[in-house]
């Protein structure tokens, strides 16, 4: 199981030239390196919408099929999407 949070970048936060956290881009890169090494069957996050909580809970309540919270592919998609957003912003800021 993995509880993943804080891998999205809040509006207005800069990765390049950030005076509050000068190494912020490196911190994100490290987080994604670690997340790629994890192989959880179940993942949850700070917001239910991130891991489709409502749909998974409904499937669990209905008793249809195997454990609806087992979602290996969902975890991988989440990490990939989050990392791509980070890389896109990083490239954009580096090109300025």
PDB file of N, CA and C in Angstrom:
ATOM      1  N   UNK A   1       0.840  -1.169   0.000  1.00  0.00           N
ATOM      2  CA  UNK A   1       0.000   0.000   0.000  1.00  0.00           C
ATOM      3  C   UNK A   1       0.889   1.238   0.000  1.00  0.00           C
ATOM      4  N   UNK A   2       0.434   2.255  -0.728  1.00  0.00           N
ATOM      5  CA  UNK A   2       1.141   3.539  -0.741  1.00  0.00           C
ATOM      6  C   UNK A   2       0.131   4.663  -0.515  1.00  0.00           C
ATOM      7  N   UNK A   3       0.485   5.566   0.372  1.00  0.00           N
ATOM      8  CA  UNK A   3      -0.283   6.798   0.564  1.00  0.00           C
ATOM      9  C   UNK A   3       0.557   7.898  -0.058  1.00  0.00           C
ATOM     10  N   UNK A   4       0.086   8.426  -1.181  1.00  0.00           N
ATOM     11  CA  UNK A   4       0.865   9.399  -1.941  1.00  0.00           C
ATOM     12  C   UNK A   4       0.210  10.768  -1.823  1.00  0.00           C
ATOM     13  N   UNK A   5       1.016  11.752  -1.483  1.00  0.00           N
ATOM     14  CA  UNK A   5       0.494  13.117  -1.436  1.00  0.00           C
ATOM     15  C   UNK A   5       1.599  14.102  -1.776  1.00  0.00           C
ATOM     16  N   UNK A   6       1.174  15.278  -2.135  1.00  0.00           N
ATOM     17  CA  UNK A   6       2.081  16.401  -2.384  1.00  0.00           C
ATOM     18  C   UNK A   6       3.040  16.194  -3.548  1.00  0.00           C
ATOM     19  N   UNK A   7       2.575  15.563  -4.609  1.00  0.00           N
ATOM     20  CA  UNK A   7       3.413  15.481  -5.811  1.00  0.00           C
ATOM     21  C   UNK A   7       2.863  16.362  -6.931  1.00  0.00           C
ATOM     22  N   UNK A   8       1.805  17.091  -6.640  1.00  0.00           N
ATOM     23  CA  UNK A   8       1.335  18.088  -7.594  1.00  0.00           C
ATOM     24  C   UNK A   8       1.913  19.440  -7.175  1.00  0.00           C
ATOM     25  N   UNK A   9       1.995  20.333  -8.131  1.00  0.00           N
ATOM     26  CA  UNK A   9       2.589  21.644  -7.866  1.00  0.00           C
ATOM     27  C   UNK A   9       1.463  22.665  -7.771  1.00  0.00           C
ATOM     28  N   UNK A  10       1.358  23.322  -6.650  1.00  0.00           N
ATOM     29  CA  UNK A  10       0.311  24.322  -6.462  1.00  0.00           C
ATOM     30  C   UNK A  10       0.503  25.494  -7.415  1.00  0.00           C
ATOM     31  N   UNK A  11      -0.609  26.104  -7.799  1.00  0.00           N
ATOM     32  CA  UNK A  11      -0.554  27.292  -8.657  1.00  0.00           C
ATOM     33  C   UNK A  11       0.344  28.344  -8.014  1.00  0.00           C
ATOM     34  N   UNK A  12       1.156  28.941  -8.828  1.00  0.00           N
ATOM     35  CA  UNK A  12       2.016  30.020  -8.357  1.00  0.00           C
ATOM     36  C   UNK A  12       3.352  29.571  -7.787  1.00  0.00           C
ATOM     37  N   UNK A  13       3.530  28.269  -7.612  1.00  0.00           N
ATOM     38  CA  UNK A  13       4.807  27.759  -7.104  1.00  0.00           C
ATOM     39  C   UNK A  13       5.749  27.548  -8.283  1.00  0.00           C
ATOM     40  N   UNK A  14       6.943  28.093  -8.150  1.00  0.00           N
ATOM     41  CA  UNK A  14       7.939  27.972  -9.219  1.00  0.00           C
ATOM     42  C   UNK A  14       8.972  26.922  -8.854  1.00  0.00           C
ATOM     43  N   UNK A  15       9.377  26.168  -9.852  1.00  0.00           N
ATOM     44  CA  UNK A  15      10.405  25.150  -9.662  1.00  0.00           C
ATOM     45  C   UNK A  15      11.800  25.723  -9.865  1.00  0.00           C
ATOM     46  N   UNK A  16      11.881  26.740 -10.704  1.00  0.00           N
ATOM     47  CA  UNK A  16      13.167  27.380 -11.004  1.00  0.00           C
ATOM     48  C   UNK A  16      13.181  28.746 -10.318  1.00  0.00           C
ATOM     49  N   UNK A  17      14.236  29.028  -9.581  1.00  0.00           N
ATOM     50  CA  UNK A  17      14.347  30.318  -8.911  1.00  0.00           C
ATOM     51  C   UNK A  17      13.461  30.458  -7.692  1.00  0.00           C
ATOM     52  N   UNK A  18      13.068  29.360  -7.099  1.00  0.00           N
ATOM     53  CA  UNK A  18      12.214  29.398  -5.911  1.00  0.00           C
ATOM     54  C   UNK A  18      13.075  29.791  -4.711  1.00  0.00           C
ATOM     55  N   UNK A  19      12.809  30.959  -4.162  1.00  0.00           N
ATOM     56  CA  UNK A  19      13.630  31.444  -3.051  1.00  0.00           C
ATOM     57  C   UNK A  19      13.259  30.796  -1.712  1.00  0.00           C
ATOM     58  N   UNK A  20      12.020  30.353  -1.585  1.00  0.00           N
ATOM     59  CA  UNK A  20      11.602  29.691  -0.329  1.00  0.00           C
ATOM     60  C   UNK A  20      12.203  28.299  -0.212  1.00  0.00           C
ATOM     61  N   UNK A  21      12.189  27.564  -1.345  1.00  0.00           N
ATOM     62  CA  UNK A  21      12.733  26.200  -1.368  1.00  0.00           C
ATOM     63  C   UNK A  21      13.607  26.088  -2.614  1.00  0.00           C
ATOM     64  N   UNK A  22      14.848  26.539  -2.525  1.00  0.00           N
ATOM     65  CA  UNK A  22      15.714  26.578  -3.712  1.00  0.00           C
ATOM     66  C   UNK A  22      15.895  25.225  -4.410  1.00  0.00           C
ATOM     67  N   UNK A  23      15.823  24.132  -3.683  1.00  0.00           N
ATOM     68  CA  UNK A  23      16.022  22.793  -4.265  1.00  0.00           C
ATOM     69  C   UNK A  23      14.709  22.078  -4.591  1.00  0.00           C
ATOM     70  N   UNK A  24      13.635  22.833  -4.751  1.00  0.00           N
ATOM     71  CA  UNK A  24      12.319  22.216  -4.925  1.00  0.00           C
ATOM     72  C   UNK A  24      12.258  21.284  -6.136  1.00  0.00           C
ATOM     73  N   UNK A  25      12.856  21.662  -7.231  1.00  0.00           N
ATOM     74  CA  UNK A  25      12.826  20.797  -8.427  1.00  0.00           C
ATOM     75  C   UNK A  25      13.524  19.476  -8.135  1.00  0.00           C
ATOM     76  N   UNK A  26      14.635  19.526  -7.412  1.00  0.00           N
ATOM     77  CA  UNK A  26      15.350  18.301  -7.042  1.00  0.00           C
ATOM     78  C   UNK A  26      14.525  17.442  -6.084  1.00  0.00           C
ATOM     79  N   UNK A  27      13.789  18.089  -5.189  1.00  0.00           N
ATOM     80  CA  UNK A  27      12.938  17.341  -4.257  1.00  0.00           C
ATOM     81  C   UNK A  27      11.858  16.568  -5.021  1.00  0.00           C
ATOM     82  N   UNK A  28      11.243  17.229  -5.999  1.00  0.00           N
ATOM     83  CA  UNK A  28      10.238  16.546  -6.819  1.00  0.00           C
ATOM     84  C   UNK A  28      10.864  15.394  -7.591  1.00  0.00           C
ATOM     85  N   UNK A  29      12.030  15.622  -8.189  1.00  0.00           N
ATOM     86  CA  UNK A  29      12.705  14.570  -8.955  1.00  0.00           C
ATOM     87  C   UNK A  29      12.988  13.361  -8.070  1.00  0.00           C
ATOM     88  N   UNK A  30      13.443  13.608  -6.846  1.00  0.00           N
ATOM     89  CA  UNK A  30      13.711  12.521  -5.905  1.00  0.00           C
ATOM     90  C   UNK A  30      12.428  11.777  -5.558  1.00  0.00           C
ATOM     91  N   UNK A  31      11.367  12.518  -5.314  1.00  0.00           N
ATOM     92  CA  UNK A  31      10.082  11.886  -4.993  1.00  0.00           C
ATOM     93  C   UNK A  31       9.637  10.965  -6.122  1.00  0.00           C
ATOM     94  N   UNK A  32       9.745  11.413  -7.359  1.00  0.00           N
ATOM     95  CA  UNK A  32       9.316  10.570  -8.475  1.00  0.00           C
ATOM     96  C   UNK A  32      10.222   9.354  -8.650  1.00  0.00           C
ATOM     97  N   UNK A  33      11.523   9.512  -8.419  1.00  0.00           N
ATOM     98  CA  UNK A  33      12.417   8.338  -8.475  1.00  0.00           C
ATOM     99  C   UNK A  33      11.973   7.291  -7.459  1.00  0.00           C
ATOM    100  N   UNK A  34      11.641   7.738  -6.266  1.00  0.00           N
ATOM    101  CA  UNK A  34      11.195   6.809  -5.220  1.00  0.00           C
ATOM    102  C   UNK A  34       9.852   6.193  -5.586  1.00  0.00           C
ATOM    103  N   UNK A  35       8.905   7.011  -6.029  1.00  0.00           N
ATOM    104  CA  UNK A  35       7.578   6.498  -6.371  1.00  0.00           C
ATOM    105  C   UNK A  35       7.647   5.444  -7.467  1.00  0.00           C
ATOM    106  N   UNK A  36       8.571   5.590  -8.402  1.00  0.00           N
ATOM    107  CA  UNK A  36       8.714   4.599  -9.475  1.00  0.00           C
ATOM    108  C   UNK A  36       9.230   3.259  -8.952  1.00  0.00           C
ATOM    109  N   UNK A  37       9.899   3.256  -7.805  1.00  0.00           N
ATOM    110  CA  UNK A  37      10.408   1.991  -7.263  1.00  0.00           C
ATOM    111  C   UNK A  37       9.345   1.223  -6.495  1.00  0.00           C
ATOM    112  N   UNK A  38       8.280   1.895  -6.085  1.00  0.00           N
ATOM    113  CA  UNK A  38       7.221   1.249  -5.309  1.00  0.00           C
ATOM    114  C   UNK A  38       6.307   0.446  -6.225  1.00  0.00           C
ATOM    115  N   UNK A  39       5.810  -0.641  -5.717  1.00  0.00           N
ATOM    116  CA  UNK A  39       4.890  -1.501  -6.468  1.00  0.00           C
ATOM    117  C   UNK A  39       3.679  -1.853  -5.599  1.00  0.00           C
ATOM    118  N   UNK A  40       2.923  -0.846  -5.184  1.00  0.00           N
ATOM    119  CA  UNK A  40       1.792  -1.134  -4.285  1.00  0.00           C
ATOM    120  C   UNK A  40       0.612  -1.745  -5.023  1.00  0.00           C
ATOM    121  N   UNK A  41      -0.100  -2.608  -4.332  1.00  0.00           N
ATOM    122  CA  UNK A  41      -1.367  -3.126  -4.863  1.00  0.00           C
ATOM    123  C   UNK A  41      -2.469  -2.092  -4.663  1.00  0.00           C
ATOM    124  N   UNK A  42      -2.382  -1.377  -3.548  1.00  0.00           N
ATOM    125  CA  UNK A  42      -3.401  -0.392  -3.175  1.00  0.00           C
ATOM    126  C   UNK A  42      -2.688   0.950  -2.999  1.00  0.00           C
ATOM    127  N   UNK A  43      -3.301   2.005  -3.549  1.00  0.00           N
ATOM    128  CA  UNK A  43      -2.769   3.327  -3.251  1.00  0.00           C
ATOM    129  C   UNK A  43      -3.906   4.268  -2.947  1.00  0.00           C
ATOM    130  N   UNK A  44      -3.625   5.163  -2.029  1.00  0.00           N
ATOM    131  CA  UNK A  44      -4.580   6.198  -1.657  1.00  0.00           C
ATOM    132  C   UNK A  44      -3.818   7.516  -1.651  1.00  0.00           C
ATOM    133  N   UNK A  45      -4.569   8.595  -1.626  1.00  0.00           N
ATOM    134  CA  UNK A  45      -3.961   9.919  -1.661  1.00  0.00           C
ATOM    135  C   UNK A  45      -4.760  10.853  -0.772  1.00  0.00           C
ATOM    136  N   UNK A  46      -4.271  12.086  -0.663  1.00  0.00           N
ATOM    137  CA  UNK A  46      -4.896  13.049   0.241  1.00  0.00           C
ATOM    138  C   UNK A  46      -6.288  13.477  -0.206  1.00  0.00           C
ATOM    139  N   UNK A  47      -6.607  13.295  -1.475  1.00  0.00           N
ATOM    140  CA  UNK A  47      -7.931  13.631  -2.008  1.00  0.00           C
ATOM    141  C   UNK A  47      -8.510  12.392  -2.694  1.00  0.00           C
ATOM    142  N   UNK A  48      -9.725  12.041  -2.338  1.00  0.00           N
ATOM    143  CA  UNK A  48     -10.357  10.847  -2.889  1.00  0.00           C
ATOM    144  C   UNK A  48     -10.426  10.826  -4.403  1.00  0.00           C
ATOM    145  N   UNK A  49     -10.614  11.987  -5.015  1.00  0.00           N
ATOM    146  CA  UNK A  49     -10.720  12.037  -6.478  1.00  0.00           C
ATOM    147  C   UNK A  49      -9.432  11.579  -7.155  1.00  0.00           C
ATOM    148  N   UNK A  50      -8.309  11.725  -6.489  1.00  0.00           N
ATOM    149  CA  UNK A  50      -7.017  11.343  -7.065  1.00  0.00           C
ATOM    150  C   UNK A  50      -6.964   9.841  -7.337  1.00  0.00           C
ATOM    151  N   UNK A  51      -7.582   9.047  -6.469  1.00  0.00           N
ATOM    152  CA  UNK A  51      -7.516   7.597  -6.643  1.00  0.00           C
ATOM    153  C   UNK A  51      -8.893   6.968  -6.853  1.00  0.00           C
ATOM    154  N   UNK A  52      -9.862   7.792  -7.247  1.00  0.00           N
ATOM    155  CA  UNK A  52     -11.208   7.329  -7.606  1.00  0.00           C
ATOM    156  C   UNK A  52     -11.920   6.654  -6.430  1.00  0.00           C
ATOM    157  N   UNK A  53     -11.826   7.282  -5.280  1.00  0.00           N
ATOM    158  CA  UNK A  53     -12.376   6.720  -4.048  1.00  0.00           C
ATOM    159  C   UNK A  53     -13.861   6.388  -4.162  1.00  0.00           C
ATOM    160  N   UNK A  54     -14.655   7.314  -4.665  1.00  0.00           N
ATOM    161  CA  UNK A  54     -16.108   7.091  -4.696  1.00  0.00           C
ATOM    162  C   UNK A  54     -16.474   5.843  -5.501  1.00  0.00           C
ATOM    163  N   UNK A  55     -15.905   5.702  -6.682  1.00  0.00           N
ATOM    164  CA  UNK A  55     -16.215   4.539  -7.527  1.00  0.00           C
ATOM    165  C   UNK A  55     -15.718   3.246  -6.880  1.00  0.00           C
ATOM    166  N   UNK A  56     -14.539   3.287  -6.294  1.00  0.00           N
ATOM    167  CA  UNK A  56     -13.994   2.092  -5.652  1.00  0.00           C
ATOM    168  C   UNK A  56     -14.831   1.700  -4.437  1.00  0.00           C
ATOM    169  N   UNK A  57     -15.257   2.686  -3.653  1.00  0.00           N
ATOM    170  CA  UNK A  57     -16.089   2.399  -2.483  1.00  0.00           C
ATOM    171  C   UNK A  57     -17.432   1.822  -2.907  1.00  0.00           C
ATOM    172  N   UNK A  58     -17.997   2.362  -3.963  1.00  0.00           N
ATOM    173  CA  UNK A  58     -19.286   1.849  -4.459  1.00  0.00           C
ATOM    174  C   UNK A  58     -19.146   0.397  -4.922  1.00  0.00           C
ATOM    175  N   UNK A  59     -18.076   0.091  -5.648  1.00  0.00           N
ATOM    176  CA  UNK A  59     -17.854  -1.296  -6.091  1.00  0.00           C
ATOM    177  C   UNK A  59     -17.655  -2.212  -4.887  1.00  0.00           C
ATOM    178  N   UNK A  60     -16.964  -1.730  -3.866  1.00  0.00           N
ATOM    179  CA  UNK A  60     -16.747  -2.534  -2.657  1.00  0.00           C
ATOM    180  C   UNK A  60     -18.072  -2.793  -1.946  1.00  0.00           C
ATOM    181  N   UNK A  61     -18.920  -1.765  -1.853  1.00  0.00           N
ATOM    182  CA  UNK A  61     -20.230  -1.919  -1.191  1.00  0.00           C
ATOM    183  C   UNK A  61     -21.118  -2.894  -1.945  1.00  0.00           C
ATOM    184  N   UNK A  62     -21.030  -2.869  -3.272  1.00  0.00           N
ATOM    185  CA  UNK A  62     -21.905  -3.728  -4.073  1.00  0.00           C
ATOM    186  C   UNK A  62     -21.431  -5.173  -4.064  1.00  0.00           C
ATOM    187  N   UNK A  63     -20.183  -5.389  -3.670  1.00  0.00           N
ATOM    188  CA  UNK A  63     -19.663  -6.747  -3.614  1.00  0.00           C
ATOM    189  C   UNK A  63     -19.374  -7.351  -4.982  1.00  0.00           C
ATOM    190  N   UNK A  64     -19.334  -6.501  -5.995  1.00  0.00           N
ATOM    191  CA  UNK A  64     -19.093  -7.015  -7.340  1.00  0.00           C
ATOM    192  C   UNK A  64     -17.600  -7.135  -7.615  1.00  0.00           C
ATOM    193  N   UNK A  65     -17.157  -8.338  -7.862  1.00  0.00           N
ATOM    194  CA  UNK A  65     -15.779  -8.569  -8.245  1.00  0.00           C
ATOM    195  C   UNK A  65     -14.807  -8.564  -7.084  1.00  0.00           C
ATOM    196  N   UNK A  66     -13.518  -8.599  -7.445  1.00  0.00           N
ATOM    197  CA  UNK A  66     -12.470  -8.629  -6.416  1.00  0.00           C
ATOM    198  C   UNK A  66     -12.350  -7.283  -5.706  1.00  0.00           C
ATOM    199  N   UNK A  67     -11.440  -7.185  -4.789  1.00  0.00           N
ATOM    200  CA  UNK A  67     -11.240  -5.963  -4.017  1.00  0.00           C
ATOM    201  C   UNK A  67     -11.042  -4.777  -4.948  1.00  0.00           C
ATOM    202  N   UNK A  68     -11.956  -3.851  -4.908  1.00  0.00           N
ATOM    203  CA  UNK A  68     -11.923  -2.707  -5.825  1.00  0.00           C
ATOM    204  C   UNK A  68     -10.788  -1.737  -5.518  1.00  0.00           C
ATOM    205  N   UNK A  69     -10.186  -1.853  -4.350  1.00  0.00           N
ATOM    206  CA  UNK A  69      -9.102  -0.933  -4.000  1.00  0.00           C
ATOM    207  C   UNK A  69      -7.741  -1.408  -4.502  1.00  0.00           C
ATOM    208  N   UNK A  70      -7.666  -2.634  -5.003  1.00  0.00           N
ATOM    209  CA  UNK A  70      -6.437  -3.101  -5.635  1.00  0.00           C
ATOM    210  C   UNK A  70      -6.392  -2.469  -7.021  1.00  0.00           C
ATOM    211  N   UNK A  71      -5.401  -1.630  -7.246  1.00  0.00           N
ATOM    212  CA  UNK A  71      -5.347  -0.846  -8.485  1.00  0.00           C
ATOM    213  C   UNK A  71      -3.896  -0.527  -8.850  1.00  0.00           C
ATOM    214  N   UNK A  72      -3.160  -1.549  -9.236  1.00  0.00           N
ATOM    215  CA  UNK A  72      -1.744  -1.390  -9.590  1.00  0.00           C
ATOM    216  C   UNK A  72      -1.597  -0.429 -10.761  1.00  0.00           C
ATOM    217  N   UNK A  73      -2.416  -0.595 -11.777  1.00  0.00           N
ATOM    218  CA  UNK A  73      -2.331   0.274 -12.956  1.00  0.00           C
ATOM    219  C   UNK A  73      -2.706   1.712 -12.621  1.00  0.00           C
ATOM    220  N   UNK A  74      -3.681   1.907 -11.746  1.00  0.00           N
ATOM    221  CA  UNK A  74      -4.083   3.253 -11.347  1.00  0.00           C
ATOM    222  C   UNK A  74      -2.951   3.997 -10.672  1.00  0.00           C
ATOM    223  N   UNK A  75      -2.190   3.297  -9.846  1.00  0.00           N
ATOM    224  CA  UNK A  75      -1.036   3.909  -9.188  1.00  0.00           C
ATOM    225  C   UNK A  75      -0.016   4.349 -10.230  1.00  0.00           C
ATOM    226  N   UNK A  76       0.299   3.457 -11.152  1.00  0.00           N
ATOM    227  CA  UNK A  76       1.289   3.777 -12.184  1.00  0.00           C
ATOM    228  C   UNK A  76       0.837   4.967 -13.037  1.00  0.00           C
ATOM    229  N   UNK A  77      -0.440   5.003 -13.399  1.00  0.00           N
ATOM    230  CA  UNK A  77      -0.969   6.129 -14.186  1.00  0.00           C
ATOM    231  C   UNK A  77      -0.870   7.434 -13.402  1.00  0.00           C
ATOM    232  N   UNK A  78      -1.204   7.391 -12.125  1.00  0.00           N
ATOM    233  CA  UNK A  78      -1.134   8.574 -11.280  1.00  0.00           C
ATOM    234  C   UNK A  78       0.292   9.112 -11.214  1.00  0.00           C
ATOM    235  N   UNK A  79       1.254   8.242 -10.959  1.00  0.00           N
ATOM    236  CA  UNK A  79       2.649   8.673 -10.872  1.00  0.00           C
ATOM    237  C   UNK A  79       3.099   9.241 -12.216  1.00  0.00           C
ATOM    238  N   UNK A  80       2.759   8.564 -13.294  1.00  0.00           N
ATOM    239  CA  UNK A  80       3.157   9.022 -14.629  1.00  0.00           C
ATOM    240  C   UNK A  80       2.564  10.397 -14.938  1.00  0.00           C
ATOM    241  N   UNK A  81       1.264  10.570 -14.697  1.00  0.00           N
ATOM    242  CA  UNK A  81       0.606  11.869 -14.948  1.00  0.00           C
ATOM    243  C   UNK A  81       1.225  12.974 -14.108  1.00  0.00           C
ATOM    244  N   UNK A  82       1.455  12.685 -12.848  1.00  0.00           N
ATOM    245  CA  UNK A  82       2.020  13.694 -11.947  1.00  0.00           C
ATOM    246  C   UNK A  82       3.433  14.067 -12.366  1.00  0.00           C
ATOM    247  N   UNK A  83       4.219  13.086 -12.740  1.00  0.00           N
ATOM    248  CA  UNK A  83       5.585  13.364 -13.161  1.00  0.00           C
ATOM    249  C   UNK A  83       5.606  14.144 -14.475  1.00  0.00           C
ATOM    250  N   UNK A  84       4.715  13.807 -15.387  1.00  0.00           N
ATOM    251  CA  UNK A  84       4.664  14.533 -16.659  1.00  0.00           C
ATOM    252  C   UNK A  84       4.296  16.000 -16.435  1.00  0.00           C
ATOM    253  N   UNK A  85       3.371  16.273 -15.518  1.00  0.00           N
ATOM    254  CA  UNK A  85       3.004  17.655 -15.204  1.00  0.00           C
ATOM    255  C   UNK A  85       4.198  18.398 -14.612  1.00  0.00           C
ATOM    256  N   UNK A  86       4.923  17.748 -13.735  1.00  0.00           N
ATOM    257  CA  UNK A  86       6.135  18.333 -13.140  1.00  0.00           C
ATOM    258  C   UNK A  86       7.164  18.648 -14.227  1.00  0.00           C
ATOM    259  N   UNK A  87       7.436  17.674 -15.097  1.00  0.00           N
ATOM    260  CA  UNK A  87       8.433  17.869 -16.155  1.00  0.00           C
ATOM    261  C   UNK A  87       8.023  18.968 -17.132  1.00  0.00           C
ATOM    262  N   UNK A  88       6.733  19.029 -17.441  1.00  0.00           N
ATOM    263  CA  UNK A  88       6.240  20.071 -18.346  1.00  0.00           C
ATOM    264  C   UNK A  88       6.483  21.452 -17.740  1.00  0.00           C
ATOM    265  N   UNK A  89       6.140  21.619 -16.461  1.00  0.00           N
ATOM    266  CA  UNK A  89       6.348  22.914 -15.815  1.00  0.00           C
ATOM    267  C   UNK A  89       7.837  23.219 -15.713  1.00  0.00           C
ATOM    268  N   UNK A  90       8.640  22.235 -15.373  1.00  0.00           N
ATOM    269  CA  UNK A  90      10.080  22.450 -15.242  1.00  0.00           C
ATOM    270  C   UNK A  90      10.678  22.910 -16.577  1.00  0.00           C
ATOM    271  N   UNK A  91      10.328  22.232 -17.672  1.00  0.00           N
ATOM    272  CA  UNK A  91      10.819  22.636 -18.995  1.00  0.00           C
ATOM    273  C   UNK A  91      10.374  24.051 -19.345  1.00  0.00           C
ATOM    274  N   UNK A  92       9.123  24.353 -19.056  1.00  0.00           N
ATOM    275  CA  UNK A  92       8.576  25.667 -19.348  1.00  0.00           C
ATOM    276  C   UNK A  92       9.346  26.768 -18.607  1.00  0.00           C
ATOM    277  N   UNK A  93       9.618  26.515 -17.336  1.00  0.00           N
ATOM    278  CA  UNK A  93      10.346  27.509 -16.547  1.00  0.00           C
ATOM    279  C   UNK A  93      11.808  27.610 -16.967  1.00  0.00           C
ATOM    280  N   UNK A  94      12.407  26.523 -17.380  1.00  0.00           N
ATOM    281  CA  UNK A  94      13.807  26.543 -17.814  1.00  0.00           C
ATOM    282  C   UNK A  94      13.955  27.271 -19.153  1.00  0.00           C
ATOM    283  N   UNK A  95      12.916  27.250 -19.975  1.00  0.00           N
ATOM    284  CA  UNK A  95      12.964  27.885 -21.298  1.00  0.00           C
ATOM    285  C   UNK A  95      12.779  29.390 -21.235  1.00  0.00           C
ATOM    286  N   UNK A  96      12.409  29.918 -20.086  1.00  0.00           N
ATOM    287  CA  UNK A  96      12.177  31.379 -19.971  1.00  0.00           C
ATOM    288  C   UNK A  96      13.456  32.132 -19.933  1.00  0.00           C
TER     289      UNK A  96
END
